[in-house]
Amino acid sequence: MDKQEIKTIEPFLKLVRKKYAPEQILLFGSRARGDAWKRSDYDFIIVSSKFKGVHWLERISRLVHLWEETTDIDILPYTPEEFEEKKKNSSTVRSAVKEGQVL
């Protein structure tokens, strides 16, 4: 990830850390691999205990509202327990864990 990409995501990461105290944030996909195009989206997995009891779509909505950039964003928000389960059952999550960057 280059300096411009870090500058782009840092305000979002600060807000997420302040509001959700995540156990883990992973950047995955083309941005993490370094083969993104200028308009490629940012893909994140955010793991936080504060997501417990919050509906999946509500989690996504709350997180997307923290993103202030024009570039698209995809977010997979999990509780720690859900994340552990997804690592076993989701090829997307397994790939993200293997190839992604911990932020």
PDB file of N, CA and C in Angstrom:
ATOM      1  N   MET A   1       0.850  -1.167   0.000  1.00  0.00           N
ATOM      2  CA  MET A   1       0.000   0.000   0.000  1.00  0.00           C
ATOM      3  C   MET A   1       0.897   1.231   0.000  1.00  0.00           C
ATOM      4  N   ASP A   2       0.582   2.167  -0.880  1.00  0.00           N
ATOM      5  CA  ASP A   2       1.424   3.358  -0.970  1.00  0.00           C
ATOM      6  C   ASP A   2       0.936   4.461  -0.024  1.00  0.00           C
ATOM      7  N   LYS A   3       1.708   5.538   0.030  1.00  0.00           N
ATOM      8  CA  LYS A   3       1.408   6.626   0.975  1.00  0.00           C
ATOM      9  C   LYS A   3       0.049   7.266   0.706  1.00  0.00           C
ATOM     10  N   GLN A   4      -0.341   7.394  -0.556  1.00  0.00           N
ATOM     11  CA  GLN A   4      -1.635   7.990  -0.881  1.00  0.00           C
ATOM     12  C   GLN A   4      -2.782   7.118  -0.384  1.00  0.00           C
ATOM     13  N   GLU A   5      -2.635   5.814  -0.524  1.00  0.00           N
ATOM     14  CA  GLU A   5      -3.678   4.912  -0.044  1.00  0.00           C
ATOM     15  C   GLU A   5      -3.791   4.981   1.478  1.00  0.00           C
ATOM     16  N   ILE A   6      -2.663   5.053   2.150  1.00  0.00           N
ATOM     17  CA  ILE A   6      -2.681   5.192   3.609  1.00  0.00           C
ATOM     18  C   ILE A   6      -3.380   6.487   4.004  1.00  0.00           C
ATOM     19  N   LYS A   7      -3.063   7.556   3.296  1.00  0.00           N
ATOM     20  CA  LYS A   7      -3.697   8.856   3.563  1.00  0.00           C
ATOM     21  C   LYS A   7      -5.213   8.786   3.335  1.00  0.00           C
ATOM     22  N   THR A   8      -5.614   8.013   2.348  1.00  0.00           N
ATOM     23  CA  THR A   8      -7.033   7.871   2.029  1.00  0.00           C
ATOM     24  C   THR A   8      -7.790   7.133   3.130  1.00  0.00           C
ATOM     25  N   ILE A   9      -7.214   6.053   3.641  1.00  0.00           N
ATOM     26  CA  ILE A   9      -7.966   5.226   4.599  1.00  0.00           C
ATOM     27  C   ILE A   9      -7.768   5.613   6.056  1.00  0.00           C
ATOM     28  N   GLU A  10      -6.747   6.371   6.369  1.00  0.00           N
ATOM     29  CA  GLU A  10      -6.438   6.671   7.775  1.00  0.00           C
ATOM     30  C   GLU A  10      -7.577   7.359   8.529  1.00  0.00           C
ATOM     31  N   PRO A  11      -8.255   8.368   7.952  1.00  0.00           N
ATOM     32  CA  PRO A  11      -9.376   8.970   8.710  1.00  0.00           C
ATOM     33  C   PRO A  11     -10.470   7.953   9.045  1.00  0.00           C
ATOM     34  N   PHE A  12     -10.765   7.069   8.111  1.00  0.00           N
ATOM     35  CA  PHE A  12     -11.754   6.010   8.348  1.00  0.00           C
ATOM     36  C   PHE A  12     -11.302   5.089   9.465  1.00  0.00           C
ATOM     37  N   LEU A  13     -10.046   4.661   9.399  1.00  0.00           N
ATOM     38  CA  LEU A  13      -9.521   3.752  10.417  1.00  0.00           C
ATOM     39  C   LEU A  13      -9.567   4.387  11.803  1.00  0.00           C
ATOM     40  N   LYS A  14      -9.248   5.654  11.898  1.00  0.00           N
ATOM     41  CA  LYS A  14      -9.295   6.344  13.199  1.00  0.00           C
ATOM     42  C   LYS A  14     -10.708   6.346  13.760  1.00  0.00           C
ATOM     43  N   LEU A  15     -11.692   6.639  12.910  1.00  0.00           N
ATOM     44  CA  LEU A  15     -13.084   6.657  13.364  1.00  0.00           C
ATOM     45  C   LEU A  15     -13.545   5.263  13.787  1.00  0.00           C
ATOM     46  N   VAL A  16     -13.190   4.259  13.001  1.00  0.00           N
ATOM     47  CA  VAL A  16     -13.573   2.879  13.336  1.00  0.00           C
ATOM     48  C   VAL A  16     -12.953   2.467  14.662  1.00  0.00           C
ATOM     49  N   ARG A  17     -11.675   2.769  14.834  1.00  0.00           N
ATOM     50  CA  ARG A  17     -10.998   2.393  16.087  1.00  0.00           C
ATOM     51  C   ARG A  17     -11.627   3.093  17.291  1.00  0.00           C
ATOM     52  N   LYS A  18     -11.973   4.354  17.123  1.00  0.00           N
ATOM     53  CA  LYS A  18     -12.566   5.115  18.227  1.00  0.00           C
ATOM     54  C   LYS A  18     -13.967   4.597  18.581  1.00  0.00           C
ATOM     55  N   LYS A  19     -14.762   4.326  17.568  1.00  0.00           N
ATOM     56  CA  LYS A  19     -16.150   3.953  17.805  1.00  0.00           C
ATOM     57  C   LYS A  19     -16.349   2.470  18.124  1.00  0.00           C
ATOM     58  N   TYR A  20     -15.535   1.603  17.523  1.00  0.00           N
ATOM     59  CA  TYR A  20     -15.775   0.169  17.645  1.00  0.00           C
ATOM     60  C   TYR A  20     -14.665  -0.630  18.322  1.00  0.00           C
ATOM     61  N   ALA A  21     -13.552  -0.017  18.644  1.00  0.00           N
ATOM     62  CA  ALA A  21     -12.429  -0.705  19.306  1.00  0.00           C
ATOM     63  C   ALA A  21     -12.216  -2.101  18.722  1.00  0.00           C
ATOM     64  N   PRO A  22     -11.985  -2.189  17.417  1.00  0.00           N
ATOM     65  CA  PRO A  22     -11.911  -3.504  16.787  1.00  0.00           C
ATOM     66  C   PRO A  22     -10.724  -4.335  17.245  1.00  0.00           C
ATOM     67  N   GLU A  23     -10.965  -5.616  17.335  1.00  0.00           N
ATOM     68  CA  GLU A  23      -9.893  -6.560  17.644  1.00  0.00           C
ATOM     69  C   GLU A  23      -8.962  -6.724  16.443  1.00  0.00           C
ATOM     70  N   GLN A  24      -9.559  -6.530  15.239  1.00  0.00           N
ATOM     71  CA  GLN A  24      -8.758  -6.673  14.029  1.00  0.00           C
ATOM     72  C   GLN A  24      -9.411  -5.912  12.880  1.00  0.00           C
ATOM     73  N   ILE A  25      -8.565  -5.307  12.049  1.00  0.00           N
ATOM     74  CA  ILE A  25      -8.998  -4.717  10.787  1.00  0.00           C
ATOM     75  C   ILE A  25      -8.082  -5.286   9.715  1.00  0.00           C
ATOM     76  N   LEU A  26      -8.695  -5.863   8.701  1.00  0.00           N
ATOM     77  CA  LEU A  26      -7.940  -6.421   7.580  1.00  0.00           C
ATOM     78  C   LEU A  26      -8.314  -5.681   6.302  1.00  0.00           C
ATOM     79  N   LEU A  27      -7.324  -5.277   5.546  1.00  0.00           N
ATOM     80  CA  LEU A  27      -7.526  -4.805   4.189  1.00  0.00           C
ATOM     81  C   LEU A  27      -7.234  -5.993   3.290  1.00  0.00           C
ATOM     82  N   PHE A  28      -8.139  -6.297   2.368  1.00  0.00           N
ATOM     83  CA  PHE A  28      -7.907  -7.424   1.474  1.00  0.00           C
ATOM     84  C   PHE A  28      -8.294  -7.042   0.052  1.00  0.00           C
ATOM     85  N   GLY A  29      -8.095  -7.953  -0.861  1.00  0.00           N
ATOM     86  CA  GLY A  29      -8.417  -7.689  -2.257  1.00  0.00           C
ATOM     87  C   GLY A  29      -7.271  -6.993  -2.973  1.00  0.00           C
ATOM     88  N   SER A  30      -7.609  -6.332  -4.061  1.00  0.00           N
ATOM     89  CA  SER A  30      -6.581  -5.738  -4.921  1.00  0.00           C
ATOM     90  C   SER A  30      -5.745  -4.675  -4.218  1.00  0.00           C
ATOM     91  N   ARG A  31      -6.340  -3.937  -3.313  1.00  0.00           N
ATOM     92  CA  ARG A  31      -5.568  -2.902  -2.588  1.00  0.00           C
ATOM     93  C   ARG A  31      -4.499  -3.549  -1.710  1.00  0.00           C
ATOM     94  N   ALA A  32      -4.820  -4.655  -1.099  1.00  0.00           N
ATOM     95  CA  ALA A  32      -3.847  -5.350  -0.248  1.00  0.00           C
ATOM     96  C   ALA A  32      -2.784  -6.060  -1.087  1.00  0.00           C
ATOM     97  N   ARG A  33      -3.187  -6.584  -2.233  1.00  0.00           N
ATOM     98  CA  ARG A  33      -2.237  -7.292  -3.098  1.00  0.00           C
ATOM     99  C   ARG A  33      -1.310  -6.347  -3.848  1.00  0.00           C
ATOM    100  N   GLY A  34      -1.741  -5.078  -3.986  1.00  0.00           N
ATOM    101  CA  GLY A  34      -0.928  -4.108  -4.713  1.00  0.00           C
ATOM    102  C   GLY A  34      -1.193  -4.090  -6.205  1.00  0.00           C
ATOM    103  N   ASP A  35      -2.303  -4.682  -6.634  1.00  0.00           N
ATOM    104  CA  ASP A  35      -2.614  -4.662  -8.065  1.00  0.00           C
ATOM    105  C   ASP A  35      -3.917  -3.919  -8.361  1.00  0.00           C
ATOM    106  N   ALA A  36      -4.233  -2.944  -7.517  1.00  0.00           N
ATOM    107  CA  ALA A  36      -5.459  -2.164  -7.675  1.00  0.00           C
ATOM    108  C   ALA A  36      -5.324  -1.139  -8.800  1.00  0.00           C
ATOM    109  N   TRP A  37      -6.448  -0.856  -9.411  1.00  0.00           N
ATOM    110  CA  TRP A  37      -6.545   0.229 -10.368  1.00  0.00           C
ATOM    111  C   TRP A  37      -6.890   1.494  -9.577  1.00  0.00           C
ATOM    112  N   LYS A  38      -6.807   2.616 -10.213  1.00  0.00           N
ATOM    113  CA  LYS A  38      -7.089   3.890  -9.535  1.00  0.00           C
ATOM    114  C   LYS A  38      -8.492   3.899  -8.912  1.00  0.00           C
ATOM    115  N   ARG A  39      -9.466   3.329  -9.596  1.00  0.00           N
ATOM    116  CA  ARG A  39     -10.858   3.350  -9.105  1.00  0.00           C
ATOM    117  C   ARG A  39     -11.246   2.066  -8.374  1.00  0.00           C
ATOM    118  N   SER A  40     -10.296   1.201  -8.071  1.00  0.00           N
ATOM    119  CA  SER A  40     -10.612  -0.028  -7.333  1.00  0.00           C
ATOM    120  C   SER A  40     -11.163   0.314  -5.954  1.00  0.00           C
ATOM    121  N   ASP A  41     -12.065  -0.516  -5.489  1.00  0.00           N
ATOM    122  CA  ASP A  41     -12.638  -0.287  -4.164  1.00  0.00           C
ATOM    123  C   ASP A  41     -11.672  -0.751  -3.075  1.00  0.00           C
ATOM    124  N   TYR A  42     -12.022  -0.400  -1.869  1.00  0.00           N
ATOM    125  CA  TYR A  42     -11.292  -0.855  -0.678  1.00  0.00           C
ATOM    126  C   TYR A  42     -12.146  -1.924  -0.014  1.00  0.00           C
ATOM    127  N   ASP A  43     -11.520  -3.043   0.309  1.00  0.00           N
ATOM    128  CA  ASP A  43     -12.207  -4.165   0.951  1.00  0.00           C
ATOM    129  C   ASP A  43     -11.659  -4.350   2.361  1.00  0.00           C
ATOM    130  N   PHE A  44     -12.555  -4.326   3.336  1.00  0.00           N
ATOM    131  CA  PHE A  44     -12.151  -4.461   4.732  1.00  0.00           C
ATOM    132  C   PHE A  44     -12.931  -5.563   5.429  1.00  0.00           C
ATOM    133  N   ILE A  45     -12.268  -6.255   6.322  1.00  0.00           N
ATOM    134  CA  ILE A  45     -12.926  -7.064   7.342  1.00  0.00           C
ATOM    135  C   ILE A  45     -12.655  -6.356   8.658  1.00  0.00           C
ATOM    136  N   ILE A  46     -13.721  -6.095   9.402  1.00  0.00           N
ATOM    137  CA  ILE A  46     -13.592  -5.430  10.701  1.00  0.00           C
ATOM    138  C   ILE A  46     -14.195  -6.353  11.749  1.00  0.00           C
ATOM    139  N   VAL A  47     -13.403  -6.704  12.731  1.00  0.00           N
ATOM    140  CA  VAL A  47     -13.818  -7.630  13.784  1.00  0.00           C
ATOM    141  C   VAL A  47     -13.934  -6.842  15.091  1.00  0.00           C
ATOM    142  N   SER A  48     -15.143  -6.827  15.654  1.00  0.00           N
ATOM    143  CA  SER A  48     -15.361  -6.074  16.888  1.00  0.00           C
ATOM    144  C   SER A  48     -16.445  -6.732  17.742  1.00  0.00           C
ATOM    145  N   SER A  49     -16.199  -6.795  19.022  1.00  0.00           N
ATOM    146  CA  SER A  49     -17.200  -7.301  19.971  1.00  0.00           C
ATOM    147  C   SER A  49     -18.413  -6.385  20.031  1.00  0.00           C
ATOM    148  N   LYS A  50     -18.232  -5.129  19.647  1.00  0.00           N
ATOM    149  CA  LYS A  50     -19.335  -4.174  19.701  1.00  0.00           C
ATOM    150  C   LYS A  50     -20.398  -4.433  18.640  1.00  0.00           C
ATOM    151  N   PHE A  51     -20.138  -5.363  17.736  1.00  0.00           N
ATOM    152  CA  PHE A  51     -21.142  -5.733  16.739  1.00  0.00           C
ATOM    153  C   PHE A  51     -22.155  -6.738  17.280  1.00  0.00           C
ATOM    154  N   LYS A  52     -21.903  -7.291  18.454  1.00  0.00           N
ATOM    155  CA  LYS A  52     -22.828  -8.271  19.029  1.00  0.00           C
ATOM    156  C   LYS A  52     -24.213  -7.647  19.195  1.00  0.00           C
ATOM    157  N   GLY A  53     -25.224  -8.358  18.732  1.00  0.00           N
ATOM    158  CA  GLY A  53     -26.602  -7.899  18.859  1.00  0.00           C
ATOM    159  C   GLY A  53     -27.022  -6.878  17.823  1.00  0.00           C
ATOM    160  N   VAL A  54     -26.120  -6.501  16.913  1.00  0.00           N
ATOM    161  CA  VAL A  54     -26.442  -5.533  15.865  1.00  0.00           C
ATOM    162  C   VAL A  54     -26.613  -6.297  14.553  1.00  0.00           C
ATOM    163  N   HIS A  55     -27.726  -6.084  13.881  1.00  0.00           N
ATOM    164  CA  HIS A  55     -27.996  -6.770  12.620  1.00  0.00           C
ATOM    165  C   HIS A  55     -26.885  -6.487  11.602  1.00  0.00           C
ATOM    166  N   TRP A  56     -26.580  -7.504  10.797  1.00  0.00           N
ATOM    167  CA  TRP A  56     -25.513  -7.442   9.789  1.00  0.00           C
ATOM    168  C   TRP A  56     -25.604  -6.176   8.920  1.00  0.00           C
ATOM    169  N   LEU A  57     -26.784  -5.882   8.370  1.00  0.00           N
ATOM    170  CA  LEU A  57     -26.936  -4.720   7.485  1.00  0.00           C
ATOM    171  C   LEU A  57     -26.767  -3.405   8.241  1.00  0.00           C
ATOM    172  N   GLU A  58     -27.177  -3.377   9.483  1.00  0.00           N
ATOM    173  CA  GLU A  58     -26.993  -2.175  10.300  1.00  0.00           C
ATOM    174  C   GLU A  58     -25.513  -1.935  10.565  1.00  0.00           C
ATOM    175  N   ARG A  59     -24.758  -2.980  10.803  1.00  0.00           N
ATOM    176  CA  ARG A  59     -23.303  -2.841  10.990  1.00  0.00           C
ATOM    177  C   ARG A  59     -22.677  -2.195   9.756  1.00  0.00           C
ATOM    178  N   ILE A  60     -23.021  -2.746   8.603  1.00  0.00           N
ATOM    179  CA  ILE A  60     -22.462  -2.231   7.348  1.00  0.00           C
ATOM    180  C   ILE A  60     -22.851  -0.778   7.153  1.00  0.00           C
ATOM    181  N   SER A  61     -24.110  -0.463   7.371  1.00  0.00           N
ATOM    182  CA  SER A  61     -24.587   0.907   7.203  1.00  0.00           C
ATOM    183  C   SER A  61     -23.834   1.888   8.095  1.00  0.00           C
ATOM    184  N   ARG A  62     -23.664   1.523   9.346  1.00  0.00           N
ATOM    185  CA  ARG A  62     -22.949   2.401  10.286  1.00  0.00           C
ATOM    186  C   ARG A  62     -21.497   2.611   9.859  1.00  0.00           C
ATOM    187  N   LEU A  63     -20.850   1.558   9.388  1.00  0.00           N
ATOM    188  CA  LEU A  63     -19.453   1.667   8.974  1.00  0.00           C
ATOM    189  C   LEU A  63     -19.305   2.460   7.679  1.00  0.00           C
ATOM    190  N   VAL A  64     -20.200   2.223   6.741  1.00  0.00           N
ATOM    191  CA  VAL A  64     -20.129   2.950   5.466  1.00  0.00           C
ATOM    192  C   VAL A  64     -20.297   4.451   5.698  1.00  0.00           C
ATOM    193  N   HIS A  65     -21.110   4.828   6.668  1.00  0.00           N
ATOM    194  CA  HIS A  65     -21.298   6.252   6.962  1.00  0.00           C
ATOM    195  C   HIS A  65     -20.031   6.907   7.514  1.00  0.00           C
ATOM    196  N   LEU A  66     -19.084   6.131   7.977  1.00  0.00           N
ATOM    197  CA  LEU A  66     -17.814   6.679   8.459  1.00  0.00           C
ATOM    198  C   LEU A  66     -16.830   6.919   7.314  1.00  0.00           C
ATOM    199  N   TRP A  67     -17.097   6.352   6.149  1.00  0.00           N
ATOM    200  CA  TRP A  67     -16.227   6.457   4.979  1.00  0.00           C
ATOM    201  C   TRP A  67     -16.551   7.752   4.249  1.00  0.00           C
ATOM    202  N   GLU A  68     -15.586   8.629   4.124  1.00  0.00           N
ATOM    203  CA  GLU A  68     -15.828   9.948   3.533  1.00  0.00           C
ATOM    204  C   GLU A  68     -15.212  10.107   2.152  1.00  0.00           C
ATOM    205  N   GLU A  69     -14.693   9.048   1.591  1.00  0.00           N
ATOM    206  CA  GLU A  69     -14.053   9.101   0.278  1.00  0.00           C
ATOM    207  C   GLU A  69     -15.065   8.790  -0.829  1.00  0.00           C
ATOM    208  N   THR A  70     -14.709   9.141  -2.067  1.00  0.00           N
ATOM    209  CA  THR A  70     -15.580   8.845  -3.204  1.00  0.00           C
ATOM    210  C   THR A  70     -15.342   7.442  -3.753  1.00  0.00           C
ATOM    211  N   THR A  71     -14.198   6.861  -3.442  1.00  0.00           N
ATOM    212  CA  THR A  71     -13.905   5.495  -3.864  1.00  0.00           C
ATOM    213  C   THR A  71     -14.840   4.533  -3.125  1.00  0.00           C
ATOM    214  N   ASP A  72     -15.299   3.518  -3.828  1.00  0.00           N
ATOM    215  CA  ASP A  72     -16.201   2.542  -3.216  1.00  0.00           C
ATOM    216  C   ASP A  72     -15.503   1.763  -2.105  1.00  0.00           C
ATOM    217  N   ILE A  73     -16.323   1.227  -1.226  1.00  0.00           N
ATOM    218  CA  ILE A  73     -15.829   0.454  -0.087  1.00  0.00           C
ATOM    219  C   ILE A  73     -16.731  -0.763   0.102  1.00  0.00           C
ATOM    220  N   ASP A  74     -16.134  -1.879   0.407  1.00  0.00           N
ATOM    221  CA  ASP A  74     -16.865  -3.083   0.804  1.00  0.00           C
ATOM    222  C   ASP A  74     -16.376  -3.475   2.190  1.00  0.00           C
ATOM    223  N   ILE A  75     -17.325  -3.758   3.083  1.00  0.00           N
ATOM    224  CA  ILE A  75     -16.980  -4.057   4.470  1.00  0.00           C
ATOM    225  C   ILE A  75     -17.662  -5.343   4.904  1.00  0.00           C
ATOM    226  N   LEU A  76     -16.898  -6.205   5.535  1.00  0.00           N
ATOM    227  CA  LEU A  76     -17.432  -7.404   6.167  1.00  0.00           C
ATOM    228  C   LEU A  76     -17.224  -7.244   7.676  1.00  0.00           C
ATOM    229  N   PRO A  77     -18.282  -6.875   8.404  1.00  0.00           N
ATOM    230  CA  PRO A  77     -18.166  -6.666   9.851  1.00  0.00           C
ATOM    231  C   PRO A  77     -18.588  -7.904  10.642  1.00  0.00           C
ATOM    232  N   TYR A  78     -17.690  -8.407  11.461  1.00  0.00           N
ATOM    233  CA  TYR A  78     -17.957  -9.612  12.234  1.00  0.00           C
ATOM    234  C   TYR A  78     -17.662  -9.408  13.711  1.00  0.00           C
ATOM    235  N   THR A  79     -18.384 -10.155  14.537  1.00  0.00           N
ATOM    236  CA  THR A  79     -17.978 -10.299  15.932  1.00  0.00           C
ATOM    237  C   THR A  79     -16.796 -11.272  15.922  1.00  0.00           C
ATOM    238  N   PRO A  80     -16.017 -11.341  16.995  1.00  0.00           N
ATOM    239  CA  PRO A  80     -14.907 -12.300  17.020  1.00  0.00           C
ATOM    240  C   PRO A  80     -15.367 -13.744  16.795  1.00  0.00           C
ATOM    241  N   GLU A  81     -16.506 -14.112  17.351  1.00  0.00           N
ATOM    242  CA  GLU A  81     -17.009 -15.472  17.189  1.00  0.00           C
ATOM    243  C   GLU A  81     -17.413 -15.739  15.733  1.00  0.00           C
ATOM    244  N   GLU A  82     -18.077 -14.772  15.128  1.00  0.00           N
ATOM    245  CA  GLU A  82     -18.465 -14.919  13.720  1.00  0.00           C
ATOM    246  C   GLU A  82     -17.230 -15.026  12.827  1.00  0.00           C
ATOM    247  N   PHE A  83     -16.222 -14.231  13.134  1.00  0.00           N
ATOM    248  CA  PHE A  83     -15.000 -14.236  12.340  1.00  0.00           C
ATOM    249  C   PHE A  83     -14.321 -15.605  12.403  1.00  0.00           C
ATOM    250  N   GLU A  84     -14.247 -16.179  13.589  1.00  0.00           N
ATOM    251  CA  GLU A  84     -13.656 -17.513  13.728  1.00  0.00           C
ATOM    252  C   GLU A  84     -14.430 -18.540  12.908  1.00  0.00           C
ATOM    253  N   GLU A  85     -15.745 -18.444  12.938  1.00  0.00           N
ATOM    254  CA  GLU A  85     -16.581 -19.365  12.166  1.00  0.00           C
ATOM    255  C   GLU A  85     -16.395 -19.134  10.656  1.00  0.00           C
ATOM    256  N   LYS A  86     -16.339 -17.892  10.236  1.00  0.00           N
ATOM    257  CA  LYS A  86     -16.172 -17.568   8.813  1.00  0.00           C
ATOM    258  C   LYS A  86     -14.816 -18.030   8.286  1.00  0.00           C
ATOM    259  N   LYS A  87     -13.800 -18.009   9.128  1.00  0.00           N
ATOM    260  CA  LYS A  87     -12.490 -18.485   8.693  1.00  0.00           C
ATOM    261  C   LYS A  87     -12.549 -19.969   8.328  1.00  0.00           C
ATOM    262  N   LYS A  88     -13.475 -20.691   8.919  1.00  0.00           N
ATOM    263  CA  LYS A  88     -13.631 -22.112   8.623  1.00  0.00           C
ATOM    264  C   LYS A  88     -14.520 -22.351   7.398  1.00  0.00           C
ATOM    265  N   ASN A  89     -15.516 -21.466   7.199  1.00  0.00           N
ATOM    266  CA  ASN A  89     -16.574 -21.740   6.229  1.00  0.00           C
ATOM    267  C   ASN A  89     -16.626 -20.816   5.010  1.00  0.00           C
ATOM    268  N   SER A  90     -15.846 -19.771   4.980  1.00  0.00           N
ATOM    269  CA  SER A  90     -15.932 -18.804   3.880  1.00  0.00           C
ATOM    270  C   SER A  90     -14.590 -18.701   3.153  1.00  0.00           C
ATOM    271  N   SER A  91     -14.610 -19.025   1.870  1.00  0.00           N
ATOM    272  CA  SER A  91     -13.370 -18.924   1.095  1.00  0.00           C
ATOM    273  C   SER A  91     -12.911 -17.476   0.978  1.00  0.00           C
ATOM    274  N   THR A  92     -13.840 -16.538   0.952  1.00  0.00           N
ATOM    275  CA  THR A  92     -13.478 -15.117   0.893  1.00  0.00           C
ATOM    276  C   THR A  92     -12.714 -14.717   2.143  1.00  0.00           C
ATOM    277  N   VAL A  93     -13.205 -15.117   3.292  1.00  0.00           N
ATOM    278  CA  VAL A  93     -12.547 -14.767   4.559  1.00  0.00           C
ATOM    279  C   VAL A  93     -11.204 -15.484   4.681  1.00  0.00           C
ATOM    280  N   ARG A  94     -11.167 -16.738   4.317  1.00  0.00           N
ATOM    281  CA  ARG A  94      -9.881 -17.466   4.369  1.00  0.00           C
ATOM    282  C   ARG A  94      -8.840 -16.804   3.479  1.00  0.00           C
ATOM    283  N   SER A  95      -9.244 -16.404   2.293  1.00  0.00           N
ATOM    284  CA  SER A  95      -8.328 -15.725   1.371  1.00  0.00           C
ATOM    285  C   SER A  95      -7.891 -14.379   1.936  1.00  0.00           C
ATOM    286  N   ALA A  96      -8.817 -13.641   2.531  1.00  0.00           N
ATOM    287  CA  ALA A  96      -8.492 -12.344   3.125  1.00  0.00           C
ATOM    288  C   ALA A  96      -7.481 -12.496   4.255  1.00  0.00           C
ATOM    289  N   VAL A  97      -7.656 -13.510   5.068  1.00  0.00           N
ATOM    290  CA  VAL A  97      -6.728 -13.753   6.178  1.00  0.00           C
ATOM    291  C   VAL A  97      -5.347 -14.118   5.636  1.00  0.00           C
ATOM    292  N   LYS A  98      -5.331 -14.907   4.597  1.00  0.00           N
ATOM    293  CA  LYS A  98      -4.066 -15.370   4.015  1.00  0.00           C
ATOM    294  C   LYS A  98      -3.324 -14.258   3.274  1.00  0.00           C
ATOM    295  N   GLU A  99      -4.043 -13.464   2.481  1.00  0.00           N
ATOM    296  CA  GLU A  99      -3.417 -12.481   1.600  1.00  0.00           C
ATOM    297  C   GLU A  99      -3.573 -11.039   2.058  1.00  0.00           C
ATOM    298  N   GLY A 100      -4.434 -10.802   3.036  1.00  0.00           N
ATOM    299  CA  GLY A 100      -4.734  -9.440   3.446  1.00  0.00           C
ATOM    300  C   GLY A 100      -3.655  -8.820   4.313  1.00  0.00           C
ATOM    301  N   GLN A 101      -3.825  -7.530   4.554  1.00  0.00           N
ATOM    302  CA  GLN A 101      -2.916  -6.775   5.411  1.00  0.00           C
ATOM    303  C   GLN A 101      -3.643  -6.384   6.690  1.00  0.00           C
ATOM    304  N   VAL A 102      -3.050  -6.720   7.828  1.00  0.00           N
ATOM    305  CA  VAL A 102      -3.602  -6.306   9.112  1.00  0.00           C
ATOM    306  C   VAL A 102      -3.264  -4.835   9.299  1.00  0.00           C
ATOM    307  N   LEU A 103      -4.285  -4.048   9.604  1.00  0.00           N
ATOM    308  CA  LEU A 103      -4.079  -2.601   9.774  1.00  0.00           C
ATOM    309  C   LEU A 103      -4.136  -2.213  11.238  1.00  0.00           C
TER     310      LEU A 103
END
